[in-house]
């Protein structure tokens, strides 16, 4: 009788059903770090939509979504499974992030640029019943998880620079150094953008992002470029002289019009950068 009792316990099925679960690992990560997104405890061969939504610092909603069908065990894994519709198709582990776009009905001309690198983007990821889209009114949410996407890793130091007429921000990785370094130059949009330099420092490079037009602390009208070669020479020299920078390993990165001073630093100002990165030069 003891044996029969054990067999009966093994064969008895529980009426308890686990609620659907959506996970994102790691929940907190750098902006260029891959996240593993999985859905579990669903019915097999079940159509679902995974949707990512976040607000920019200006308050605009950005979103992306993808359609999946669960496997025989009632789960999905965005690292290996293929989307069959939505913002993208195919196996795209980070598709929900690179496919983010302004929500339907948003104002025109939006660009997603992080101004405050000391706070993350908060991305809400939801698991929806059926193959649907964010614009559809009637949606059933099965599970959700919120992820943090950072440009600035723990321990990175952010230092405002207002010396030798330079307007910029220096980012230093954790530790004593000396670190390889980058001089970070953006385009004619102006202002002081920090998110690329913050990410450089998060990956072990000291980085100085400098403004050269469109900033209140620069001389002259903001809509024109009022600095010359000596300004960029001073910025490069600042990195060379910093006690936590390896003076023999300094590169320059320029985007759009920023490619012009990038090339001038290497050809006419008298410095020899270790590398040049030129993106969409004008």
Protein backbone atom coordinates (compact mmCIF):
# COMPACT_ATOMS: atom_id res chain seq x y z
CA UNK A 1 0.00 0.00 0.00
CA UNK A 2 2.90 2.30 0.67
CA UNK A 3 4.16 1.84 -2.90
CA UNK A 4 0.75 2.49 -4.41
CA UNK A 5 0.45 5.66 -2.39
CA UNK A 6 3.72 6.96 -3.81
CA UNK A 7 2.76 6.14 -7.40
CA UNK A 8 -0.57 7.87 -6.95
CA UNK A 9 1.18 11.04 -5.71
CA UNK A 10 3.56 11.10 -8.67
CA UNK A 11 0.82 10.76 -11.26
CA UNK A 12 -1.58 13.24 -9.74
CA UNK A 13 -1.64 16.50 -11.74
CA UNK A 14 -1.87 19.84 -10.00
CA UNK A 15 -4.66 22.20 -11.01
CA UNK A 16 -2.34 25.15 -10.29
CA UNK A 17 -1.30 27.13 -13.39
CA UNK A 18 1.66 29.48 -13.31
CA UNK A 19 0.93 33.00 -14.52
CA UNK A 20 2.77 34.14 -17.67
CA UNK A 21 6.22 35.52 -16.91
CA UNK A 22 8.36 37.96 -18.89
CA UNK A 23 12.02 38.39 -17.94
CA UNK A 24 14.83 40.67 -19.14
CA UNK A 25 18.39 39.82 -18.13
CA UNK A 26 20.14 41.93 -17.03
CA UNK A 27 17.45 44.42 -16.05
CA UNK A 28 20.05 47.19 -15.64
CA UNK A 29 22.59 47.43 -18.47
CA UNK A 30 24.65 49.77 -20.61
CA UNK A 31 22.98 51.01 -23.78
CA UNK A 32 25.20 48.79 -25.98
CA UNK A 33 24.83 45.66 -23.85
CA UNK A 34 22.64 42.82 -25.07
CA UNK A 35 19.61 41.88 -22.99
CA UNK A 36 18.05 38.42 -23.00
CA UNK A 37 14.24 38.64 -23.14
CA UNK A 38 12.16 35.53 -22.46
CA UNK A 39 8.49 34.74 -21.98
CA UNK A 40 7.37 31.60 -20.15
CA UNK A 41 4.34 29.73 -18.79
CA UNK A 42 2.20 30.31 -21.87
CA UNK A 43 0.13 27.89 -23.94
CA UNK A 44 1.97 26.08 -26.70
CA UNK A 45 1.83 27.44 -30.26
CA UNK A 46 0.31 30.60 -28.85
CA UNK A 47 0.50 33.97 -30.70
CA UNK A 48 1.93 36.82 -28.60
CA UNK A 49 3.29 40.31 -29.12
CA UNK A 50 6.30 41.70 -27.28
CA UNK A 51 6.18 45.50 -27.08
CA UNK A 52 8.82 48.01 -25.90
CA UNK A 53 7.84 51.56 -24.92
CA UNK A 54 9.82 54.43 -23.44
CA UNK A 55 9.61 58.19 -23.11
CA UNK A 56 12.35 60.53 -24.25
CA UNK A 57 13.53 63.29 -21.94
CA UNK A 58 11.22 65.63 -23.86
CA UNK A 59 8.26 63.39 -22.99
CA UNK A 60 7.72 61.85 -26.43
CA UNK A 61 6.71 58.19 -26.60
CA UNK A 62 8.92 55.80 -28.58
CA UNK A 63 7.92 52.21 -29.23
CA UNK A 64 8.61 48.98 -31.09
CA UNK A 65 6.84 45.62 -31.20
CA UNK A 66 7.26 42.14 -32.62
CA UNK A 67 5.05 39.08 -33.15
CA UNK A 68 6.07 35.64 -31.92
CA UNK A 69 4.52 32.20 -31.54
CA UNK A 70 5.37 30.14 -28.49
CA UNK A 71 7.07 26.75 -28.83
CA UNK A 72 5.89 23.37 -27.58
CA UNK A 73 6.84 24.26 -24.01
CA UNK A 74 4.86 27.50 -24.11
CA UNK A 75 7.82 29.88 -24.13
CA UNK A 76 9.60 32.43 -26.35
CA UNK A 77 13.22 33.52 -26.35
CA UNK A 78 14.08 36.64 -28.34
CA UNK A 79 17.73 35.59 -28.50
CA UNK A 80 16.91 32.60 -30.71
CA UNK A 81 13.30 32.90 -31.88
CA UNK A 82 12.14 34.64 -35.05
CA UNK A 83 9.68 37.50 -35.15
CA UNK A 84 6.98 36.93 -37.78
CA UNK A 85 5.79 40.54 -37.94
CA UNK A 86 5.72 43.95 -36.33
CA UNK A 87 8.61 46.45 -36.28
CA UNK A 88 11.00 43.80 -37.63
CA UNK A 89 11.05 40.18 -38.76
CA UNK A 90 13.58 37.43 -38.20
CA UNK A 91 15.86 36.66 -35.27
CA UNK A 92 16.86 40.01 -33.75
CA UNK A 93 17.76 39.69 -30.05
CA UNK A 94 17.87 43.49 -29.64
CA UNK A 95 15.25 44.36 -32.23
CA UNK A 96 12.92 45.93 -29.67
CA UNK A 97 15.62 48.52 -28.94
CA UNK A 98 17.11 49.40 -32.33
CA UNK A 99 13.63 49.48 -33.91
CA UNK A 100 12.24 52.06 -31.46
CA UNK A 101 10.49 54.90 -33.30
CA UNK A 102 8.10 57.72 -32.37
CA UNK A 103 4.61 56.47 -31.57
CA UNK A 104 1.85 56.98 -34.12
CA UNK A 105 0.68 60.60 -34.07
CA UNK A 106 3.88 62.02 -32.54
CA UNK A 107 5.16 65.42 -33.55
CA UNK A 108 7.48 65.47 -36.56
CA UNK A 109 11.26 65.75 -36.65
CA UNK A 110 11.99 63.86 -33.43
CA UNK A 111 15.52 62.66 -32.63
CA UNK A 112 16.35 60.43 -29.69
CA UNK A 113 19.29 62.07 -27.89
CA UNK A 114 20.14 61.62 -24.22
CA UNK A 115 20.90 64.92 -22.53
CA UNK A 116 21.30 63.78 -18.92
CA UNK A 117 23.66 60.80 -18.93
CA UNK A 118 23.39 60.43 -15.15
CA UNK A 119 19.90 58.96 -15.53
CA UNK A 120 18.86 55.93 -17.62
CA UNK A 121 16.26 55.38 -20.27
CA UNK A 122 13.46 53.39 -18.65
CA UNK A 123 12.10 50.90 -21.18
CA UNK A 124 8.87 49.08 -20.37
CA UNK A 125 8.60 45.71 -22.12
CA UNK A 126 5.19 44.04 -22.17
CA UNK A 127 3.91 40.66 -23.31
CA UNK A 128 0.55 40.98 -25.07
CA UNK A 129 -2.00 38.38 -26.07
CA UNK A 130 -2.24 37.69 -29.81
CA UNK A 131 -0.55 39.41 -32.72
CA UNK A 132 -1.39 43.05 -32.18
CA UNK A 133 0.20 46.51 -32.27
CA UNK A 134 0.59 49.33 -29.72
CA UNK A 135 -1.85 51.51 -31.67
CA UNK A 136 -4.71 49.06 -31.22
CA UNK A 137 -7.01 50.07 -28.40
CA UNK A 138 -8.02 46.66 -27.07
CA UNK A 139 -4.95 44.83 -25.77
CA UNK A 140 -4.54 42.20 -23.08
CA UNK A 141 -1.27 42.46 -21.17
CA UNK A 142 -0.06 39.08 -19.91
CA UNK A 143 3.17 40.19 -18.21
CA UNK A 144 5.62 43.09 -18.13
CA UNK A 145 9.13 44.07 -17.03
CA UNK A 146 10.98 47.40 -16.92
CA UNK A 147 14.64 47.69 -17.96
CA UNK A 148 17.19 50.44 -17.37
CA UNK A 149 19.44 51.46 -20.28
CA UNK A 150 22.49 53.48 -19.19
CA UNK A 151 25.25 55.40 -20.96
CA UNK A 152 27.22 55.92 -17.76
CA UNK A 153 28.45 52.88 -15.82
CA UNK A 154 28.85 52.89 -12.03
CA UNK A 155 32.13 54.49 -11.01
CA UNK A 156 32.52 56.67 -14.12
CA UNK A 157 33.34 60.28 -13.22
CA UNK A 158 31.78 63.24 -15.02
CA UNK A 159 33.78 66.50 -14.86
CA UNK A 160 32.59 69.78 -16.38
CA UNK A 161 35.40 71.61 -18.19
CA UNK A 162 35.48 75.41 -18.41
CA UNK A 163 39.18 76.20 -18.70
CA UNK A 164 41.44 77.64 -21.39
CA UNK A 165 38.21 78.76 -23.11
CA UNK A 166 37.22 75.11 -23.57
CA UNK A 167 33.55 74.24 -23.06
CA UNK A 168 33.24 70.52 -22.55
CA UNK A 169 32.74 67.54 -20.28
CA UNK A 170 35.42 65.02 -19.37
CA UNK A 171 34.49 61.44 -18.49
CA UNK A 172 36.97 59.19 -16.68
CA UNK A 173 36.64 55.43 -16.12
CA UNK A 174 36.91 54.00 -12.61
CA UNK A 175 40.43 53.50 -11.37
CA UNK A 176 43.72 55.42 -11.46
CA UNK A 177 44.61 55.03 -15.15
CA UNK A 178 46.40 56.03 -17.24
CA UNK A 179 43.65 55.46 -19.78
CA UNK A 180 43.56 55.70 -23.56
CA UNK A 181 41.45 58.70 -24.49
CA UNK A 182 39.15 60.15 -27.13
CA UNK A 183 38.38 63.73 -28.13
CA UNK A 184 34.69 63.70 -29.02
CA UNK A 185 33.40 66.17 -31.66
CA UNK A 186 29.77 66.38 -32.77
CA UNK A 187 28.19 68.16 -35.73
CA UNK A 188 26.62 71.48 -36.66
CA UNK A 189 23.60 70.79 -34.48
CA UNK A 190 25.65 72.45 -31.77
CA UNK A 191 25.45 72.22 -28.03
CA UNK A 192 27.28 69.81 -25.78
CA UNK A 193 26.33 66.16 -26.24
CA UNK A 194 27.80 63.78 -23.69
CA UNK A 195 26.31 60.35 -24.22
CA UNK A 196 29.00 59.01 -26.55
CA UNK A 197 31.79 60.14 -24.23
CA UNK A 198 29.97 58.66 -21.24
CA UNK A 199 29.81 55.31 -23.02
CA UNK A 200 33.49 55.52 -23.99
CA UNK A 201 34.37 55.97 -20.31
CA UNK A 202 32.09 53.09 -19.39
CA UNK A 203 34.23 50.95 -21.70
CA UNK A 204 37.59 52.08 -20.33
CA UNK A 205 38.43 55.23 -22.34
CA UNK A 206 38.80 58.71 -20.95
CA UNK A 207 36.75 60.96 -23.23
CA UNK A 208 36.36 64.72 -23.61
CA UNK A 209 33.26 65.95 -25.43
CA UNK A 210 33.59 69.58 -26.47
CA UNK A 211 31.10 72.14 -27.78
CA UNK A 212 32.26 74.42 -30.58
CA UNK A 213 29.00 76.17 -31.48
CA UNK A 214 25.45 76.51 -30.23
CA UNK A 215 26.40 76.79 -26.53
CA UNK A 216 25.80 79.74 -24.20
CA UNK A 217 29.32 79.56 -22.74
CA UNK A 218 31.02 79.98 -26.11
CA UNK A 219 31.87 83.42 -27.51
CA UNK A 220 29.85 84.97 -30.33
CA UNK A 221 26.41 84.11 -31.72
CA UNK A 222 25.27 80.55 -31.01
CA UNK A 223 24.20 79.86 -34.60
CA UNK A 224 27.71 80.21 -36.05
CA UNK A 225 31.08 78.62 -35.33
CA UNK A 226 33.25 81.22 -33.62
CA UNK A 227 36.24 79.10 -32.56
CA UNK A 228 39.28 78.13 -34.61
CA UNK A 229 42.15 75.67 -34.67
CA UNK A 230 43.58 76.95 -31.39
CA UNK A 231 40.40 75.87 -29.60
CA UNK A 232 40.71 72.25 -30.74
CA UNK A 233 44.45 72.33 -30.09
CA UNK A 234 43.75 73.34 -26.47
CA UNK A 235 41.19 70.54 -26.10
CA UNK A 236 43.63 67.92 -27.39
CA UNK A 237 46.37 69.36 -25.18
CA UNK A 238 44.10 69.16 -22.14
CA UNK A 239 43.80 65.42 -22.65
CA UNK A 240 47.54 65.02 -23.21
CA UNK A 241 48.34 66.86 -19.98
CA UNK A 242 45.83 65.02 -17.81
CA UNK A 243 47.52 62.81 -15.21
CA UNK A 244 45.07 59.92 -15.82
CA UNK A 245 45.42 59.91 -19.60
CA UNK A 246 48.02 58.00 -21.61
CA UNK A 247 49.36 60.86 -23.74
CA UNK A 248 50.54 58.45 -26.46
CA UNK A 249 47.10 56.89 -26.95
CA UNK A 250 44.65 59.66 -27.80
CA UNK A 251 42.21 59.42 -30.69
CA UNK A 252 39.66 61.82 -32.18
CA UNK A 253 36.11 60.99 -33.27
CA UNK A 254 34.05 63.37 -35.39
CA UNK A 255 30.47 63.19 -36.65
CA UNK A 256 29.12 65.16 -39.63
CA UNK A 257 30.81 68.59 -39.59
CA UNK A 258 32.87 67.36 -36.63
CA UNK A 259 34.91 65.43 -39.20
CA UNK A 260 36.39 68.75 -40.41
CA UNK A 261 38.14 69.67 -37.14
CA UNK A 262 38.98 65.99 -36.67
CA UNK A 263 40.99 65.99 -39.90
CA UNK A 264 42.51 69.40 -39.18
CA UNK A 265 43.80 68.19 -35.81
CA UNK A 266 45.65 65.39 -37.59
CA UNK A 267 46.92 67.37 -40.58
CA UNK A 268 47.46 71.02 -39.70
CA UNK A 269 47.47 71.61 -35.94
CA UNK A 270 50.61 69.60 -35.28
CA UNK A 271 49.31 66.68 -33.23
CA UNK A 272 49.47 63.02 -34.19
CA UNK A 273 46.37 61.26 -32.83
CA UNK A 274 46.60 57.50 -32.38
CA UNK A 275 43.44 57.07 -34.45
CA UNK A 276 40.78 59.03 -36.28
CA UNK A 277 37.12 58.01 -36.54
CA UNK A 278 35.16 59.99 -39.15
CA UNK A 279 31.40 59.41 -39.39
CA UNK A 280 29.24 60.88 -42.18
CA UNK A 281 31.71 63.68 -42.85
CA UNK A 282 30.59 66.89 -44.53
